[in-house]
Amino acid sequence: RRLQRRDSYKKFGLDFEGERWFIIEQALPLSGRMLEVGSGWGFFLTGLAERGYQATGIDVNAEDVAFAQWNLARLGLAHLADLHVGSGESLPFTEHSFDAVFAVNVFHHLHSPLKVTDEMLRVLAPEGKLIISDFSEEGFEIAQKIHAAEGGDHARHGVPFLDVKKYLIEKGLGIEHQRTRCQETLIAYAP
């Protein structure tokens, strides 16, 4: 079902592969240790691995982590990903342990996105990059259509995406804001 949903998104005009390449391109150059918070089914980690990057992923849902491990193994990329079950509100990593920290299409699921943002900043190295990307309004409309067709709902929680941008600016980070038709991406740098 997970792979079928990705194909359904493409039929409705949201190309996840194209979006993940866009996010990676905007984050370049990348080096060192990388973390994805809310790695879900592992599609973004797969994109990093396909480019030869090694990354750590963490997600609260053990079933999603198991699927991500299976999918990466199926593609011969398991050696490039280290997956964990855990919460973005309390990351099990030491301070300043990652050079790039990503959260892709997860912030709209969070009840406490600013708490997760603080945790992402805690584990980010002083010269590192924080990359937060989520659906644009058009992307949300497509997601809602897909979930409705499956008999579900694509709920949103937390604070609006632009409030996260404002929060990062208030913390003194430099921000680049990139947008595609279906995706909003913030890249934050320490001043």
Protein backbone atom coordinates (compact mmCIF):
# COMPACT_ATOMS: atom_id res chain seq x y z
CA ARG A 1 0.00 0.00 0.00
CA ARG A 2 2.85 2.42 0.81
CA LEU A 3 4.41 2.14 -2.64
CA GLN A 4 0.97 2.40 -4.26
CA ARG A 5 0.22 5.61 -2.36
CA ARG A 6 3.42 7.16 -3.68
CA ASP A 7 2.23 6.33 -7.22
CA SER A 8 -1.20 7.82 -6.43
CA TYR A 9 0.41 11.10 -5.39
CA LYS A 10 2.22 11.24 -8.72
CA LYS A 11 -1.06 10.72 -10.61
CA PHE A 12 -2.51 13.71 -8.73
CA GLY A 13 0.52 15.85 -9.62
CA LEU A 14 2.78 15.48 -6.58
CA ASP A 15 6.06 13.82 -7.60
CA PHE A 16 7.73 12.71 -4.35
CA GLU A 17 10.92 11.74 -6.12
CA GLY A 18 11.15 15.12 -7.80
CA GLU A 19 10.39 16.87 -4.49
CA ARG A 20 13.02 14.94 -2.55
CA TRP A 21 15.64 15.72 -5.23
CA PHE A 22 14.66 19.40 -4.97
CA ILE A 23 15.09 19.37 -1.18
CA ILE A 24 18.48 17.64 -1.43
CA GLU A 25 19.63 20.07 -4.15
CA GLN A 26 18.64 23.05 -1.99
CA ALA A 27 20.58 21.60 0.97
CA LEU A 28 23.82 21.09 -0.96
CA PRO A 29 26.64 20.94 -0.18
CA LEU A 30 26.11 18.11 2.30
CA SER A 31 28.75 16.28 4.28
CA GLY A 32 29.28 14.63 7.64
CA ARG A 33 26.62 13.03 9.80
CA MET A 34 22.99 13.44 8.74
CA LEU A 35 19.73 12.83 10.57
CA GLU A 36 16.15 12.70 9.38
CA VAL A 37 13.57 13.27 12.12
CA GLY A 38 10.24 11.63 11.33
CA SER A 39 11.72 9.39 8.66
CA GLY A 40 8.44 7.48 8.25
CA TRP A 41 8.54 5.03 5.36
CA GLY A 42 12.13 6.04 4.56
CA PHE A 43 11.58 7.56 1.12
CA PHE A 44 13.70 10.64 1.85
CA LEU A 45 16.44 8.49 3.43
CA THR A 46 16.33 6.41 0.26
CA GLY A 47 16.90 9.56 -1.77
CA LEU A 48 19.94 10.42 0.32
CA ALA A 49 21.25 6.85 0.04
CA GLU A 50 20.76 6.85 -3.74
CA ARG A 51 23.12 9.82 -3.81
CA GLY A 52 25.66 7.91 -1.71
CA TYR A 53 24.99 9.72 1.58
CA GLN A 54 24.87 7.83 4.84
CA ALA A 55 22.17 9.02 7.24
CA THR A 56 20.37 8.18 10.46
CA GLY A 57 16.59 8.14 10.58
CA ILE A 58 14.24 8.20 13.55
CA ASP A 59 10.48 7.78 13.66
CA VAL A 60 7.97 7.17 16.44
CA ASN A 61 6.19 4.43 14.46
CA ALA A 62 7.97 1.04 14.67
CA GLU A 63 5.97 -0.35 11.74
CA ASP A 64 7.11 2.53 9.51
CA VAL A 65 10.72 2.02 10.59
CA ALA A 66 10.45 -1.69 9.72
CA PHE A 67 9.06 -0.83 6.28
CA ALA A 68 11.86 1.69 5.70
CA GLN A 69 14.46 -0.96 6.62
CA TRP A 70 12.82 -3.47 4.29
CA ASN A 71 12.63 -1.00 1.40
CA LEU A 72 16.24 0.14 1.80
CA ALA A 73 17.37 -3.50 1.92
CA ARG A 74 15.28 -4.30 -1.16
CA LEU A 75 17.14 -1.55 -3.01
CA GLY A 76 20.56 -2.63 -1.73
CA LEU A 77 20.93 0.58 0.31
CA ALA A 78 20.50 -0.67 3.89
CA HIS A 79 24.19 -0.14 4.66
CA LEU A 80 23.70 3.62 4.17
CA ALA A 81 20.92 4.06 6.73
CA ASP A 82 20.81 3.63 10.50
CA LEU A 83 17.17 3.57 11.62
CA HIS A 84 15.76 4.06 15.13
CA VAL A 85 12.35 4.09 16.78
CA GLY A 86 11.97 7.19 18.92
CA SER A 87 10.37 10.58 19.38
CA GLY A 88 11.47 13.85 17.81
CA GLU A 89 10.53 15.53 21.09
CA SER A 90 13.33 13.68 22.89
CA LEU A 91 16.02 12.66 20.43
CA PRO A 92 18.36 9.93 21.78
CA PHE A 93 21.48 11.64 20.41
CA THR A 94 24.12 13.85 22.02
CA GLU A 95 24.34 17.59 21.47
CA HIS A 96 25.92 18.78 18.22
CA SER A 97 26.16 15.26 16.78
CA PHE A 98 24.83 15.93 13.23
CA ASP A 99 26.01 18.23 10.47
CA ALA A 100 22.62 18.26 8.73
CA VAL A 101 19.24 17.58 10.31
CA PHE A 102 16.19 17.08 8.08
CA ALA A 103 12.45 16.87 8.72
CA VAL A 104 10.50 16.20 5.52
CA ASN A 105 6.69 16.15 5.42
CA VAL A 106 6.44 15.48 9.13
CA PHE A 107 5.86 18.85 10.82
CA HIS A 108 2.15 18.93 9.96
CA HIS A 109 1.76 15.68 11.95
CA LEU A 110 3.35 17.09 15.11
CA HIS A 111 1.44 18.35 18.11
CA SER A 112 4.57 20.15 19.41
CA PRO A 113 6.61 21.17 16.35
CA LEU A 114 8.54 23.88 18.19
CA LYS A 115 9.67 21.36 20.80
CA VAL A 116 10.86 19.10 17.97
CA THR A 117 12.58 22.12 16.39
CA ASP A 118 14.46 22.75 19.65
CA GLU A 119 15.55 19.10 19.75
CA MET A 120 16.72 19.26 16.14
CA LEU A 121 18.74 22.38 16.98
CA ARG A 122 20.20 20.68 20.06
CA VAL A 123 21.66 17.81 18.02
CA LEU A 124 22.81 20.08 15.16
CA ALA A 125 26.52 20.88 14.95
CA PRO A 126 27.46 24.58 15.27
CA GLU A 127 28.24 24.93 11.55
CA GLY A 128 25.39 22.62 10.49
CA LYS A 129 22.20 23.01 8.47
CA LEU A 130 18.65 22.47 9.60
CA ILE A 131 16.30 21.57 6.74
CA ILE A 132 12.55 21.52 7.38
CA SER A 133 10.25 20.83 4.45
CA ASP A 134 6.51 20.24 4.32
CA PHE A 135 3.62 20.36 1.91
CA SER A 136 2.51 23.68 0.45
CA GLU A 137 -1.23 24.37 0.46
CA GLU A 138 -1.50 22.70 -2.96
CA GLY A 139 0.47 19.72 -1.68
CA PHE A 140 -1.91 19.40 1.29
CA GLU A 141 -4.89 19.46 -1.05
CA ILE A 142 -3.42 16.57 -3.03
CA ALA A 143 -2.59 14.65 0.17
CA GLN A 144 -6.17 15.14 1.39
CA LYS A 145 -7.58 13.83 -1.91
CA ILE A 146 -5.42 10.68 -1.69
CA HIS A 147 -6.37 9.99 1.93
CA ALA A 148 -10.05 10.68 1.23
CA ALA A 149 -9.96 8.21 -1.69
CA GLU A 150 -8.62 5.63 0.80
CA GLY A 151 -11.43 6.45 3.25
CA GLY A 152 -9.23 8.50 5.58
CA ASP A 153 -8.19 12.03 6.43
CA HIS A 154 -4.82 13.77 6.26
CA ALA A 155 -4.99 15.75 9.49
CA ARG A 156 -2.81 18.74 10.35
CA HIS A 157 -1.65 19.61 13.86
CA GLY A 158 0.71 22.04 15.52
CA VAL A 159 1.58 25.49 14.27
CA PRO A 160 1.57 26.79 10.69
CA PHE A 161 4.76 26.26 8.71
CA LEU A 162 5.51 29.99 8.51
CA ASP A 163 5.38 30.18 12.33
CA VAL A 164 8.26 27.69 12.39
CA LYS A 165 10.18 30.02 10.05
CA LYS A 166 9.49 32.97 12.37
CA TYR A 167 10.58 30.90 15.39
CA LEU A 168 13.91 30.05 13.74
CA ILE A 169 14.52 33.70 12.80
CA GLU A 170 13.78 34.73 16.41
CA LYS A 171 16.43 32.21 17.52
CA GLY A 172 18.94 34.06 15.34
CA LEU A 173 19.27 31.59 12.49
CA GLY A 174 19.72 32.64 8.90
CA ILE A 175 16.93 31.28 6.71
CA GLU A 176 16.55 30.39 3.06
CA HIS A 177 12.95 29.71 2.05
CA GLN A 178 12.46 27.72 -1.16
CA ARG A 179 9.14 26.68 -2.66
CA THR A 180 7.85 24.38 -5.34
CA ARG A 181 4.21 23.97 -6.30
CA CYS A 182 3.73 21.23 -3.67
CA GLN A 183 6.52 21.82 -1.14
CA GLU A 184 7.80 24.54 1.23
CA THR A 185 11.43 24.18 2.34
CA LEU A 186 13.34 26.08 5.01
CA ILE A 187 17.11 25.81 5.28
CA ALA A 188 18.40 27.32 8.53
CA TYR A 189 22.01 28.15 9.29
CA ALA A 190 23.67 29.24 12.50
CA PRO A 191 24.73 32.90 12.25
